[in-house]
Amino acid sequence: MPRAINLIVIHCSASPNGKQLAKNGQTAATTIDVWHSTRGFHRQLKPLSARLTPR
């Protein structure tokens, strides 16, 4: 039986269309991680699937 979808999260970098985020040997994900840490956000190390368990 397929699992029901209870939550969809859309996360956007809000960068201009066509602007490449990867630079200086970093991936786009690494660049966004730097933006987040600069703003005080901290990465959750636990996988998303483990955090979405039903209560």
Foldseek 3Di string as FASTA:
>chain_A
DDDDDDDDDDDDPPDPPPDACDDPNRHNVVSVVVVCVVVPHDDDPDDPVVVPDDD
